[in-house]
Amino acid sequence: MIDSNPVHAMSEDKKPELSQYNIEGKQLEAFLGPLEASIMEVIWASKKTHITVREVHEVLSKQKKIAYTTVMSTMDRLFEKSLLKRKIEKGRGGLYYVYWPTLERQTFQKSAVREVLSSLIGNFGEVVTNYLIEGVKLTEQEKAALRKQLSKNKTEKKE
């Protein structure tokens, strides 16, 4: 469904939706589908602040054969997941969307990792925190500080 109201299209500030974590996926593909990840990489790599479906399609079609409509529907899906924002612009060919990311690459990565770790800690608590503490090469003082911080965070979350 195409939203023809540019104000509505820009004003929805929802938290970005991440797909389920894929333990087999590498980098972004652990959180997004392969095409979604490729599109986000193209957008983040672009020097432009806004990018069109056509521009993304041009980059991707140099790497592999892909239909314009496939790129268009995937970018729409990324908009629906709140990973992209968009607005309508008018050009020689008529109306078209321009897109931009809701998060920078590094912010997305931090958010994704935080979500996975929060879920793991919520589901497995002590097993995860102990693994994090023991699995990382830390001095005893650093481990104690980490335990203290994790305990503090756990207490704050309950309040």
Protein backbone atom coordinates (compact mmCIF):
# COMPACT_ATOMS: atom_id res chain seq x y z
CA MET A 1 0.00 0.00 0.00
CA ILE A 2 1.43 3.38 -0.97
CA ASP A 3 0.97 6.21 1.51
CA SER A 4 0.45 9.35 -0.56
CA ASN A 5 0.52 11.67 2.44
CA PRO A 6 4.15 12.75 2.95
CA VAL A 7 3.43 14.16 6.42
CA HIS A 8 1.98 10.84 7.57
CA ALA A 9 4.84 8.95 5.96
CA MET A 10 7.43 10.97 7.87
CA SER A 11 5.71 11.41 11.22
CA GLU A 12 5.56 7.78 12.34
CA ASP A 13 8.44 7.51 14.79
CA LYS A 14 8.13 3.87 15.77
CA LYS A 15 10.93 1.77 17.16
CA PRO A 16 12.58 -0.10 14.26
CA GLU A 17 11.43 -3.70 14.02
CA LEU A 18 14.14 -6.32 13.79
CA SER A 19 13.36 -9.69 12.36
CA GLN A 20 14.12 -12.63 14.57
CA TYR A 21 17.78 -13.21 15.21
CA ASN A 22 19.24 -15.69 12.72
CA ILE A 23 22.12 -17.50 14.39
CA GLU A 24 23.40 -18.57 10.95
CA GLY A 25 23.36 -15.03 9.52
CA LYS A 26 26.48 -12.94 9.15
CA GLN A 27 26.51 -9.26 10.15
CA LEU A 28 23.23 -7.58 9.14
CA GLU A 29 21.85 -10.85 7.78
CA ALA A 30 21.61 -12.05 11.37
CA PHE A 31 18.75 -9.53 11.77
CA LEU A 32 17.49 -8.86 8.26
CA GLY A 33 16.93 -10.86 5.13
CA PRO A 34 19.78 -10.91 2.58
CA LEU A 35 18.15 -8.37 0.25
CA GLU A 36 17.08 -6.11 3.13
CA ALA A 37 20.66 -6.16 4.42
CA SER A 38 22.05 -5.37 0.95
CA ILE A 39 19.65 -2.45 0.54
CA MET A 40 20.52 -1.03 3.95
CA GLU A 41 24.24 -1.30 3.11
CA VAL A 42 23.68 0.59 -0.18
CA ILE A 43 21.72 3.30 1.62
CA TRP A 44 24.28 3.68 4.43
CA ALA A 45 27.13 3.78 1.89
CA SER A 46 25.42 6.46 -0.20
CA LYS A 47 26.83 9.96 0.03
CA LYS A 48 23.30 11.32 -0.48
CA THR A 49 20.96 12.12 2.39
CA HIS A 50 17.95 10.80 0.45
CA ILE A 51 17.96 7.98 -2.08
CA THR A 52 15.42 6.61 -4.55
CA VAL A 53 14.47 3.05 -5.38
CA ARG A 54 15.97 3.59 -8.83
CA GLU A 55 19.34 4.58 -7.35
CA VAL A 56 19.41 1.55 -5.04
CA HIS A 57 18.35 -0.70 -7.92
CA GLU A 58 21.19 0.64 -10.10
CA VAL A 59 23.78 -0.26 -7.46
CA LEU A 60 22.34 -3.70 -6.71
CA SER A 61 21.84 -4.62 -10.39
CA LYS A 62 25.60 -4.24 -10.90
CA GLN A 63 26.11 -7.04 -8.35
CA LYS A 64 23.33 -9.40 -9.46
CA LYS A 65 20.25 -9.53 -11.65
CA ILE A 66 17.34 -8.10 -9.68
CA ALA A 67 13.96 -6.65 -10.62
CA TYR A 68 13.20 -3.01 -9.88
CA THR A 69 9.87 -4.04 -8.31
CA THR A 70 11.68 -6.41 -5.94
CA VAL A 71 13.88 -3.57 -4.69
CA MET A 72 10.81 -1.31 -4.44
CA SER A 73 8.77 -3.80 -2.38
CA THR A 74 11.73 -4.57 -0.13
CA MET A 75 12.33 -0.87 0.54
CA ASP A 76 8.63 -0.53 1.34
CA ARG A 77 8.98 -3.43 3.80
CA LEU A 78 11.99 -1.69 5.42
CA PHE A 79 9.81 1.42 5.73
CA GLU A 80 7.05 -0.65 7.36
CA LYS A 81 9.66 -2.03 9.81
CA SER A 82 10.65 1.60 10.58
CA LEU A 83 14.20 1.05 9.37
CA LEU A 84 13.65 3.61 6.60
CA LYS A 85 11.73 6.86 6.43
CA ARG A 86 10.36 8.24 3.21
CA LYS A 87 8.63 11.18 1.63
CA ILE A 88 7.05 11.86 -1.72
CA GLU A 89 8.77 14.10 -4.23
CA LYS A 90 7.64 15.28 -7.61
CA GLY A 91 9.84 14.95 -10.69
CA ARG A 92 9.62 14.78 -14.46
CA GLY A 93 8.31 11.23 -14.30
CA GLY A 94 5.66 12.04 -11.70
CA LEU A 95 5.59 11.29 -7.98
CA TYR A 96 8.18 9.05 -6.35
CA TYR A 97 9.49 8.24 -2.88
CA VAL A 98 12.86 9.21 -1.51
CA TYR A 99 14.15 7.18 1.42
CA TRP A 100 16.66 7.63 4.23
CA PRO A 101 17.61 5.42 7.19
CA THR A 102 16.07 5.98 10.61
CA LEU A 103 19.33 4.88 12.24
CA GLU A 104 23.00 5.13 11.34
CA ARG A 105 24.71 1.76 10.73
CA GLN A 106 26.52 1.76 14.09
CA THR A 107 23.38 2.75 16.01
CA PHE A 108 21.44 -0.04 14.30
CA GLN A 109 24.14 -2.56 15.21
CA LYS A 110 24.20 -1.45 18.86
CA SER A 111 20.41 -1.56 19.05
CA ALA A 112 20.29 -5.05 17.49
CA VAL A 113 22.95 -6.43 19.83
CA ARG A 114 21.24 -4.83 22.83
CA GLU A 115 17.93 -6.42 21.86
CA VAL A 116 19.45 -9.89 21.48
CA LEU A 117 21.39 -9.68 24.72
CA SER A 118 18.37 -8.35 26.61
CA SER A 119 16.31 -11.24 25.31
CA LEU A 120 18.98 -13.78 26.24
CA ILE A 121 19.41 -12.30 29.72
CA GLY A 122 15.63 -12.13 30.17
CA ASN A 123 15.27 -15.78 29.19
CA PHE A 124 18.42 -17.29 30.67
CA GLY A 125 19.57 -14.72 33.25
CA GLU A 126 22.53 -15.96 35.25
CA VAL A 127 23.72 -18.38 32.57
CA VAL A 128 24.20 -15.50 30.13
CA THR A 129 25.68 -13.05 32.60
CA ASN A 130 28.09 -15.68 33.90
CA TYR A 131 29.11 -16.55 30.34
CA LEU A 132 29.69 -12.89 29.52
CA ILE A 133 31.77 -12.41 32.64
CA GLU A 134 33.75 -15.65 32.36
CA GLY A 135 33.95 -15.81 28.57
CA VAL A 136 35.60 -12.43 28.17
CA LYS A 137 39.26 -11.93 29.07
CA LEU A 138 38.92 -9.57 32.04
CA THR A 139 40.91 -8.98 35.18
CA GLU A 140 39.23 -9.95 38.45
CA GLN A 141 38.69 -6.24 39.17
CA GLU A 142 37.01 -5.73 35.76
CA LYS A 143 34.86 -8.84 36.33
CA ALA A 144 33.76 -7.52 39.72
CA ALA A 145 32.90 -4.15 38.20
CA LEU A 146 30.93 -5.86 35.42
CA ARG A 147 29.04 -8.03 37.94
CA LYS A 148 28.22 -4.91 39.94
CA GLN A 149 26.97 -3.07 36.84
CA LEU A 150 24.88 -6.04 35.68
CA SER A 151 23.38 -6.38 39.14
CA LYS A 152 22.63 -2.64 39.23
CA ASN A 153 20.98 -2.80 35.80
CA LYS A 154 18.90 -5.81 36.84
CA THR A 155 17.72 -3.98 40.00
CA GLU A 156 16.88 -0.81 38.05
CA LYS A 157 14.88 -2.81 35.52
CA LYS A 158 12.70 -4.34 38.26
CA GLU A 159 11.77 -0.91 39.66
